[in-house]
């Protein structure tokens, strides 16, 4: 009986762990051929797996000839003897290897993925994302995103939040005036959800504290470096708040958790991209919207902050507070959704905020209405037919605590951290005005 190779091979070791294996022991690596360097007397095979790179030293002539027929990106298994080498990744390498292809020879990638910098433009990357995302720099951006989501979940879990999953096919638009994608839903008109806003509010009446990590859809007509038609939203909603400042405190805890998780789970990725992680303060500095306009010399009747205003305010916050963050509160009620709670004593303004991060709006949040009579007034003021929101309004008629929440755009967060010039650089498979594939 022939031995089963799967039971006789040495245990698989990740590239990043090879340095912890005792020299002289046999080990197996499995991954992609990242690069082959052929010298006169030796060939170096650099193997890539999810943990990083490992070096394999090949001197046997037959194995050298075998590697000549295995292009980069071919998936292989390599078994050999571990040898210490300070110049190798992790301080160790494999020698005396046996190479076993696990797939047919790979086609050449659209650009050389072994080069330290990505050698092709953004269109090439996006057209061939399934392959070009393998480049360590592109992988690193999403490793930071993944760690951020993990930290968001861990931070809110520690605050007794319940993770929810809300419908992405809905019967009414979440926010009046926003662009929506329509869908034929068994002969009825439905929409792709612009946010989980209405559902997370309803679920405050069930769990008190909820959060969701998921896609949201905006039929954005803008072809800019900061807009996408689909992005990942980190949403939270919590009950029994006094006002929007309680929401802002939870947002701070969430962002602190995200920063901590990047350091813990994606430190190598952050280092590769030279990411400067922000210092999260004990409290975010806060400025009222009317004072923010005055600070940047804008017309006091401006209804919103422009991108230039956001950048100027962030520069001011760094100088005045040594902070990468600035919360702008009290936006005009006319620029906020119908469910926004007004500022007590002066209902021109709202109990809402935007959080600016390094010159860019990262988060919108605030306190919501919770009394049925307030919703009736809001429906009348905005000309909204209550019949289209029956299920939503029903929750308030049956008792809802004072509550509020926020949403963070994941890709904006990662884009700002990494200094990406275009948000598509940090999105796995971006969707915009022109792109529906891959």
Protein backbone atom coordinates (compact mmCIF):
# COMPACT_ATOMS: atom_id res chain seq x y z
CA UNK A 1 0.00 0.00 0.00
CA UNK A 2 1.32 3.43 -0.94
CA UNK A 3 1.62 5.92 1.94
CA UNK A 4 -0.83 8.82 1.98
CA UNK A 5 1.22 11.99 1.30
CA UNK A 6 -1.11 14.02 3.52
CA UNK A 7 -0.12 11.85 6.51
CA UNK A 8 3.64 11.63 5.81
CA UNK A 9 4.50 15.24 5.01
CA UNK A 10 5.89 17.54 7.66
CA UNK A 11 3.29 19.78 9.34
CA UNK A 12 2.42 22.96 7.49
CA UNK A 13 4.01 26.08 8.95
CA UNK A 14 3.00 29.62 8.04
CA UNK A 15 5.71 31.78 6.54
CA UNK A 16 5.50 34.19 9.44
CA UNK A 17 6.09 31.35 11.93
CA UNK A 18 9.03 29.69 10.19
CA UNK A 19 11.52 31.50 12.43
CA UNK A 20 10.05 29.82 15.51
CA UNK A 21 10.71 26.29 14.15
CA UNK A 22 13.80 24.53 15.49
CA UNK A 23 16.63 24.60 12.94
CA UNK A 24 17.14 21.15 11.46
CA UNK A 25 13.48 20.22 11.72
CA UNK A 26 11.44 19.44 8.65
CA UNK A 27 8.55 21.77 7.78
CA UNK A 28 6.10 22.35 4.99
CA UNK A 29 5.17 25.71 3.52
CA UNK A 30 2.19 26.20 1.21
CA UNK A 31 1.32 29.30 -0.75
CA UNK A 32 1.97 31.25 -3.94
CA UNK A 33 5.28 31.61 -5.73
CA UNK A 34 5.93 35.27 -5.05
CA UNK A 35 9.29 35.51 -6.81
CA UNK A 36 12.08 33.37 -8.22
CA UNK A 37 15.65 34.67 -8.22
CA UNK A 38 18.01 32.57 -10.32
CA UNK A 39 21.74 32.90 -9.62
CA UNK A 40 24.66 30.92 -10.99
CA UNK A 41 24.80 28.29 -8.26
CA UNK A 42 21.51 28.68 -6.42
CA UNK A 43 17.89 29.66 -6.95
CA UNK A 44 15.87 31.48 -4.32
CA UNK A 45 12.14 30.82 -4.19
CA UNK A 46 10.13 33.38 -2.24
CA UNK A 47 6.81 31.91 -1.11
CA UNK A 48 3.83 34.01 0.00
CA UNK A 49 0.98 32.95 2.25
CA UNK A 50 -1.51 34.80 4.41
CA UNK A 51 1.13 35.56 7.06
CA UNK A 52 3.84 36.97 4.79
CA UNK A 53 6.91 35.77 2.89
CA UNK A 54 9.36 32.90 3.36
CA UNK A 55 12.59 32.08 1.53
CA UNK A 56 13.41 28.68 0.07
CA UNK A 57 16.95 27.85 -1.09
CA UNK A 58 17.11 25.54 -4.12
CA UNK A 59 20.40 23.95 -5.25
CA UNK A 60 19.24 20.64 -6.67
CA UNK A 61 19.41 20.89 -10.45
CA UNK A 62 16.18 18.95 -11.04
CA UNK A 63 14.26 21.20 -8.66
CA UNK A 64 15.75 24.31 -10.30
CA UNK A 65 14.53 23.05 -13.66
CA UNK A 66 11.11 22.28 -12.14
CA UNK A 67 10.81 25.85 -10.86
CA UNK A 68 11.61 27.20 -14.32
CA UNK A 69 8.26 25.81 -15.44
CA UNK A 70 6.32 27.20 -12.48
CA UNK A 71 5.61 30.92 -13.01
CA UNK A 72 4.99 33.40 -10.25
CA UNK A 73 1.55 33.07 -8.59
CA UNK A 74 1.52 29.29 -9.08
CA UNK A 75 0.29 27.61 -5.88
CA UNK A 76 2.77 25.13 -4.46
CA UNK A 77 3.63 23.13 -1.38
CA UNK A 78 7.28 23.05 -0.30
CA UNK A 79 8.74 20.65 2.26
CA UNK A 80 12.31 21.06 3.45
CA UNK A 81 14.69 21.52 6.34
CA UNK A 82 14.56 24.69 8.42
CA UNK A 83 17.84 26.60 8.56
CA UNK A 84 18.67 29.78 10.44
CA UNK A 85 19.56 32.77 8.26
CA UNK A 86 19.43 36.31 9.63
CA UNK A 87 19.05 37.78 6.15
CA UNK A 88 15.95 35.70 5.37
CA UNK A 89 12.43 36.87 6.31
CA UNK A 90 11.85 35.99 9.95
CA UNK A 91 15.45 34.82 10.35
CA UNK A 92 14.90 31.36 8.85
CA UNK A 93 14.61 29.64 5.49
CA UNK A 94 13.93 26.22 4.00
CA UNK A 95 16.74 24.22 2.39
CA UNK A 96 16.82 20.86 0.57
CA UNK A 97 13.25 21.43 -0.62
CA UNK A 98 10.76 19.26 -2.43
CA UNK A 99 8.31 21.34 -4.43
CA UNK A 100 4.83 20.03 -5.20
CA UNK A 101 2.58 22.12 -7.47
CA UNK A 102 -0.99 22.31 -6.19
CA UNK A 103 -2.37 23.81 -9.39
CA UNK A 104 -1.49 24.22 -13.02
CA UNK A 105 1.17 26.84 -13.88
CA UNK A 106 -0.35 30.29 -13.29
CA UNK A 107 -0.83 32.93 -15.95
CA UNK A 108 1.33 36.02 -15.59
CA UNK A 109 -0.38 38.67 -13.43
CA UNK A 110 -1.16 42.07 -15.01
CA UNK A 111 1.75 43.58 -13.07
CA UNK A 112 4.71 42.17 -11.15
CA UNK A 113 3.31 41.55 -7.68
CA UNK A 114 6.71 40.94 -6.11
CA UNK A 115 7.83 44.52 -6.53
CA UNK A 116 7.65 46.56 -3.29
CA UNK A 117 5.48 49.22 -4.90
CA UNK A 118 2.49 48.54 -7.11
CA UNK A 119 3.64 49.18 -10.65
CA UNK A 120 0.31 49.70 -12.40
CA UNK A 121 -2.32 52.43 -12.32
CA UNK A 122 -5.64 52.35 -10.52
CA UNK A 123 -7.69 51.25 -13.59
CA UNK A 124 -5.45 48.19 -14.02
CA UNK A 125 -5.80 47.36 -10.35
CA UNK A 126 -9.58 47.66 -10.41
CA UNK A 127 -9.98 45.73 -13.68
CA UNK A 128 -7.93 42.82 -12.30
CA UNK A 129 -8.66 43.20 -8.60
CA UNK A 130 -9.03 39.46 -7.95
CA UNK A 131 -5.31 39.15 -8.71
CA UNK A 132 -3.84 42.57 -7.95
CA UNK A 133 -5.32 42.56 -4.44
CA UNK A 134 -2.65 39.94 -3.74
CA UNK A 135 0.00 42.66 -3.81
CA UNK A 136 1.13 43.17 -0.20
CA UNK A 137 0.26 46.87 -0.22
CA UNK A 138 -3.29 46.29 -1.42
CA UNK A 139 -3.73 43.39 1.00
CA UNK A 140 -2.45 45.58 3.80
CA UNK A 141 -5.14 48.21 3.25
CA UNK A 142 -7.90 45.67 3.71
CA UNK A 143 -6.12 44.05 6.66
CA UNK A 144 -6.42 47.45 8.32
CA UNK A 145 -10.10 47.55 7.38
CA UNK A 146 -10.62 44.05 8.76
CA UNK A 147 -8.93 44.92 12.04
CA UNK A 148 -11.03 48.09 12.26
CA UNK A 149 -14.25 46.09 11.95
CA UNK A 150 -12.98 43.65 14.56
CA UNK A 151 -12.14 46.48 16.94
CA UNK A 152 -15.53 48.10 16.36
CA UNK A 153 -17.28 44.86 17.24
CA UNK A 154 -15.12 44.24 20.29
CA UNK A 155 -15.52 47.78 21.63
CA UNK A 156 -19.31 47.79 21.32
CA UNK A 157 -19.58 44.22 22.56
CA UNK A 158 -17.77 45.32 25.70
CA UNK A 159 -20.45 48.02 26.11
CA UNK A 160 -23.24 45.40 25.97
CA UNK A 161 -24.36 46.14 22.42
CA UNK A 162 -26.14 43.45 20.39
CA UNK A 163 -25.05 42.91 16.78
CA UNK A 164 -27.95 42.98 14.34
CA UNK A 165 -28.51 42.24 10.64
CA UNK A 166 -31.12 44.39 8.94
CA UNK A 167 -32.76 44.04 5.50
CA UNK A 168 -30.98 45.42 2.47
CA UNK A 169 -34.13 45.24 0.35
CA UNK A 170 -36.61 47.77 1.71
CA UNK A 171 -39.98 49.16 0.74
CA UNK A 172 -39.21 52.84 1.29
CA UNK A 173 -36.22 55.15 1.11
CA UNK A 174 -34.43 55.66 4.42
CA UNK A 175 -33.60 59.32 3.91
CA UNK A 176 -35.75 61.66 1.87
CA UNK A 177 -33.86 63.39 -0.90
CA UNK A 178 -31.08 60.82 -1.14
CA UNK A 179 -30.60 58.87 -4.33
CA UNK A 180 -31.80 55.29 -4.21
CA UNK A 181 -31.45 52.17 -6.34
CA UNK A 182 -34.77 50.67 -7.33
CA UNK A 183 -35.30 46.92 -7.57
CA UNK A 184 -38.09 44.86 -9.11
CA UNK A 185 -39.27 42.89 -6.08
CA UNK A 186 -41.75 40.32 -7.44
CA UNK A 187 -43.55 43.00 -9.41
CA UNK A 188 -43.34 45.65 -6.68
CA UNK A 189 -40.87 48.51 -6.43
CA UNK A 190 -38.29 48.04 -3.72
CA UNK A 191 -35.04 49.81 -2.90
CA UNK A 192 -31.53 48.90 -1.85
CA UNK A 193 -31.13 50.18 1.70
CA UNK A 194 -29.35 53.51 2.02
CA UNK A 195 -28.63 52.71 5.66
CA UNK A 196 -29.97 50.54 8.49
CA UNK A 197 -31.17 53.71 10.22
CA UNK A 198 -34.89 53.00 10.61
CA UNK A 199 -34.33 49.39 11.60
CA UNK A 200 -31.64 50.08 14.16
CA UNK A 201 -33.91 52.68 15.78
CA UNK A 202 -36.76 50.17 15.94
CA UNK A 203 -34.44 47.60 17.49
CA UNK A 204 -33.44 49.98 20.26
CA UNK A 205 -36.95 49.18 21.49
CA UNK A 206 -35.91 45.52 21.68
CA UNK A 207 -32.25 45.40 22.72
CA UNK A 208 -31.55 49.02 23.90
CA UNK A 209 -28.07 48.97 22.30
CA UNK A 210 -27.45 47.67 18.78
CA UNK A 211 -24.82 47.82 16.07
CA UNK A 212 -24.36 46.56 12.54
CA UNK A 213 -21.48 46.18 10.10
CA UNK A 214 -22.78 45.91 6.57
CA UNK A 215 -23.17 47.35 3.08
CA UNK A 216 -25.24 50.40 2.27
CA UNK A 217 -26.20 51.67 -1.16
CA UNK A 218 -26.33 55.22 -2.52
CA UNK A 219 -27.11 56.01 -6.16
CA UNK A 220 -24.42 58.67 -6.07
CA UNK A 221 -24.25 60.68 -9.31
CA UNK A 222 -20.84 61.95 -8.21
CA UNK A 223 -17.71 60.68 -9.94
CA UNK A 224 -15.24 61.78 -7.29
CA UNK A 225 -12.36 60.26 -5.32
CA UNK A 226 -14.50 60.14 -2.15
CA UNK A 227 -17.85 58.72 -3.34
CA UNK A 228 -18.96 55.11 -3.86
CA UNK A 229 -22.32 53.61 -4.77
CA UNK A 230 -21.80 50.87 -2.18
CA UNK A 231 -19.71 51.11 0.94
CA UNK A 232 -19.39 49.48 4.34
CA UNK A 233 -21.13 51.26 7.19
CA UNK A 234 -20.35 50.76 10.88
CA UNK A 235 -23.62 51.68 12.56
CA UNK A 236 -24.62 51.94 16.20
CA UNK A 237 -27.74 53.05 18.07
CA UNK A 238 -28.29 53.25 21.81
CA UNK A 239 -31.21 53.97 24.08
CA UNK A 240 -31.67 56.03 27.24
CA UNK A 241 -29.36 58.84 26.18
CA UNK A 242 -29.55 62.32 27.67
CA UNK A 243 -28.55 63.95 24.40
CA UNK A 244 -26.11 63.58 21.48
CA UNK A 245 -23.10 63.95 23.75
CA UNK A 246 -23.81 60.45 25.15
CA UNK A 247 -23.71 59.18 21.57
CA UNK A 248 -20.44 60.97 20.98
CA UNK A 249 -18.92 59.21 24.02
CA UNK A 250 -19.80 55.80 22.56
CA UNK A 251 -18.39 56.84 19.20
CA UNK A 252 -15.12 57.70 20.93
CA UNK A 253 -15.01 54.24 22.54
CA UNK A 254 -15.67 52.61 19.17
CA UNK A 255 -12.90 54.52 17.41
CA UNK A 256 -10.49 53.84 20.27
CA UNK A 257 -11.26 50.15 19.87
CA UNK A 258 -10.67 50.34 16.13
CA UNK A 259 -7.29 52.02 16.59
CA UNK A 260 -6.27 49.51 19.25
CA UNK A 261 -7.30 46.59 17.05
CA UNK A 262 -5.23 47.87 14.11
CA UNK A 263 -2.18 47.92 16.36
CA UNK A 264 -2.91 44.44 17.67
CA UNK A 265 -4.13 42.60 14.58
CA UNK A 266 -2.75 44.58 11.64
CA UNK A 267 0.41 46.15 12.98
CA UNK A 268 2.57 44.81 10.14
CA UNK A 269 0.09 46.06 7.55
CA UNK A 270 0.03 49.50 9.16
CA UNK A 271 3.83 49.58 9.21
CA UNK A 272 4.04 48.56 5.55
CA UNK A 273 1.81 51.49 4.57
CA UNK A 274 3.51 53.87 7.03
CA UNK A 275 0.19 54.50 8.78
CA UNK A 276 0.34 56.98 11.63
CA UNK A 277 -2.34 55.79 14.02
CA UNK A 278 -4.19 58.66 15.69
CA UNK A 279 -4.12 59.29 19.39
CA UNK A 280 -7.71 59.06 20.58
CA UNK A 281 -8.32 61.69 23.30
CA UNK A 282 -10.31 61.18 26.48
CA UNK A 283 -12.97 63.40 24.90
CA UNK A 284 -13.36 64.71 21.38
CA UNK A 285 -13.01 68.49 21.12
CA UNK A 286 -16.40 69.93 20.16
CA UNK A 287 -17.40 73.12 18.35
CA UNK A 288 -20.92 74.32 17.53
CA UNK A 289 -21.77 74.63 13.86
CA UNK A 290 -22.35 78.40 14.04
CA UNK A 291 -18.94 78.84 15.71
CA UNK A 292 -17.34 76.56 13.14
CA UNK A 293 -18.59 78.85 10.36
CA UNK A 294 -17.16 81.84 12.16
CA UNK A 295 -13.86 80.03 12.72
CA UNK A 296 -13.37 79.50 8.97
CA UNK A 297 -14.79 82.90 7.98
CA UNK A 298 -17.82 81.45 6.22
CA UNK A 299 -21.18 83.12 5.69
CA UNK A 300 -23.21 82.59 8.90
CA UNK A 301 -26.18 81.52 6.77
CA UNK A 302 -24.30 78.61 5.17
CA UNK A 303 -26.36 75.43 5.67
CA UNK A 304 -23.41 73.03 5.66
CA UNK A 305 -19.63 72.77 5.75
CA UNK A 306 -17.75 72.48 2.48
CA UNK A 307 -14.76 70.13 2.09
CA UNK A 308 -12.51 73.19 2.33
CA UNK A 309 -14.18 74.15 5.61
CA UNK A 310 -13.65 70.61 6.95
CA UNK A 311 -9.96 70.78 6.13
CA UNK A 312 -9.55 74.20 7.72
CA UNK A 313 -11.37 73.14 10.88
CA UNK A 314 -9.22 70.03 11.18
CA UNK A 315 -6.08 72.15 10.91
CA UNK A 316 -7.45 74.40 13.64
CA UNK A 317 -8.23 71.41 15.88
CA UNK A 318 -4.71 70.07 15.47
CA UNK A 319 -3.27 73.44 16.47
CA UNK A 320 -5.73 74.27 19.25
CA UNK A 321 -6.24 70.80 20.73
CA UNK A 322 -3.43 68.66 19.26
CA UNK A 323 -6.22 66.43 17.96
CA UNK A 324 -6.81 64.55 14.72
CA UNK A 325 -10.53 64.64 15.57
CA UNK A 326 -13.08 67.43 15.85
CA UNK A 327 -16.81 67.05 16.50
CA UNK A 328 -19.00 69.73 14.95
CA UNK A 329 -22.40 69.77 16.68
CA UNK A 330 -25.63 71.69 16.17
CA UNK A 331 -26.06 71.48 12.40
CA UNK A 332 -29.14 73.34 11.07
CA UNK A 333 -32.31 71.27 11.34
CA UNK A 334 -33.02 71.93 7.68
CA UNK A 335 -29.93 69.90 6.69
CA UNK A 336 -30.68 66.89 8.91
CA UNK A 337 -33.06 63.94 8.39
CA UNK A 338 -36.64 64.14 9.70
CA UNK A 339 -35.88 61.89 12.70
CA UNK A 340 -33.26 64.30 14.13
CA UNK A 341 -33.88 65.80 17.59
CA UNK A 342 -33.74 69.61 17.71
CA UNK A 343 -31.52 71.50 20.11
CA UNK A 344 -33.60 72.34 23.23
CA UNK A 345 -34.21 76.05 23.50
CA UNK A 346 -33.34 76.87 19.89
CA UNK A 347 -34.89 74.57 17.32
CA UNK A 348 -33.01 76.14 14.43
CA UNK A 349 -30.18 73.81 15.43
CA UNK A 350 -30.07 70.06 15.93
CA UNK A 351 -28.72 67.70 18.55
CA UNK A 352 -26.53 66.14 15.88
CA UNK A 353 -22.87 66.11 14.95
CA UNK A 354 -20.31 65.28 12.31
CA UNK A 355 -16.93 63.95 13.38
CA UNK A 356 -14.08 65.29 11.29
CA UNK A 357 -10.92 63.20 11.03
CA UNK A 358 -7.81 64.66 9.44
CA UNK A 359 -9.75 67.03 7.23
CA UNK A 360 -12.62 64.76 6.23
CA UNK A 361 -16.11 64.08 7.54
CA UNK A 362 -15.89 60.55 8.93
CA UNK A 363 -19.08 60.14 10.93
CA UNK A 364 -22.57 61.59 11.18
CA UNK A 365 -24.65 61.01 14.29
CA UNK A 366 -26.87 62.50 16.91
CA UNK A 367 -29.97 62.22 19.03
CA UNK A 368 -33.21 61.05 17.40
CA UNK A 369 -36.82 61.92 18.03
CA UNK A 370 -38.58 59.34 20.22
CA UNK A 371 -42.05 60.71 21.01
CA UNK A 372 -44.92 59.90 18.60
CA UNK A 373 -46.17 63.49 18.74
CA UNK A 374 -42.76 64.76 17.65
CA UNK A 375 -42.81 62.39 14.69
CA UNK A 376 -46.28 63.56 13.71
CA UNK A 377 -44.99 67.14 13.68
CA UNK A 378 -41.89 66.12 11.72
CA UNK A 379 -44.02 64.33 9.13
CA UNK A 380 -46.12 67.44 8.67
CA UNK A 381 -43.13 69.76 8.54
CA UNK A 382 -41.33 67.71 5.90
CA UNK A 383 -44.44 66.77 3.92
CA UNK A 384 -43.87 63.06 4.53
CA UNK A 385 -46.82 60.70 4.29
CA UNK A 386 -46.94 58.69 7.55
CA UNK A 387 -48.45 55.78 5.65
CA UNK A 388 -45.13 54.98 3.97
CA UNK A 389 -43.45 54.61 7.38
CA UNK A 390 -46.16 52.71 9.22
CA UNK A 391 -43.94 49.90 10.52
CA UNK A 392 -41.29 52.35 11.69
CA UNK A 393 -43.72 54.73 13.41
CA UNK A 394 -45.49 51.82 15.09
CA UNK A 395 -42.42 51.19 17.25
CA UNK A 396 -42.63 54.69 18.70
CA UNK A 397 -46.35 54.40 19.38
CA UNK A 398 -45.54 51.40 21.59
CA UNK A 399 -42.88 53.18 23.64
CA UNK A 400 -39.34 54.12 22.67
CA UNK A 401 -36.66 55.57 24.98
CA UNK A 402 -34.61 58.66 24.17
CA UNK A 403 -31.93 57.38 21.82
CA UNK A 404 -29.31 58.24 19.27
CA UNK A 405 -26.62 56.76 17.12
CA UNK A 406 -23.96 57.20 14.48
CA UNK A 407 -22.48 55.64 11.35
CA UNK A 408 -18.83 55.42 10.28
CA UNK A 409 -17.84 54.91 6.65
CA UNK A 410 -15.23 52.15 6.78
CA UNK A 411 -13.58 52.94 3.46
CA UNK A 412 -13.32 56.63 4.32
CA UNK A 413 -11.67 55.71 7.61
CA UNK A 414 -9.11 53.43 5.98
CA UNK A 415 -8.54 55.84 3.11
CA UNK A 416 -7.75 58.66 5.49
CA UNK A 417 -5.50 56.46 7.64
CA UNK A 418 -3.46 55.26 4.68
CA UNK A 419 -3.41 58.56 2.85
CA UNK A 420 -5.08 57.04 -0.22
CA UNK A 421 -5.75 59.59 -2.94
CA UNK A 422 -8.85 57.70 -4.09
CA UNK A 423 -11.25 55.74 -1.89
CA UNK A 424 -11.28 52.98 -4.50
CA UNK A 425 -7.70 52.16 -3.54
CA UNK A 426 -8.93 50.76 -0.21
CA UNK A 427 -12.13 49.11 -1.44
CA UNK A 428 -12.08 45.45 -2.43
CA UNK A 429 -14.41 45.63 -5.43
CA UNK A 430 -15.66 49.22 -5.70
CA UNK A 431 -19.01 50.13 -7.18
CA UNK A 432 -19.45 53.58 -8.72
CA UNK A 433 -21.01 55.32 -11.72
CA UNK A 434 -18.95 53.28 -14.16
CA UNK A 435 -17.97 50.03 -12.47
CA UNK A 436 -20.08 46.94 -11.89
CA UNK A 437 -17.34 44.34 -12.43
CA UNK A 438 -15.36 42.46 -11.27
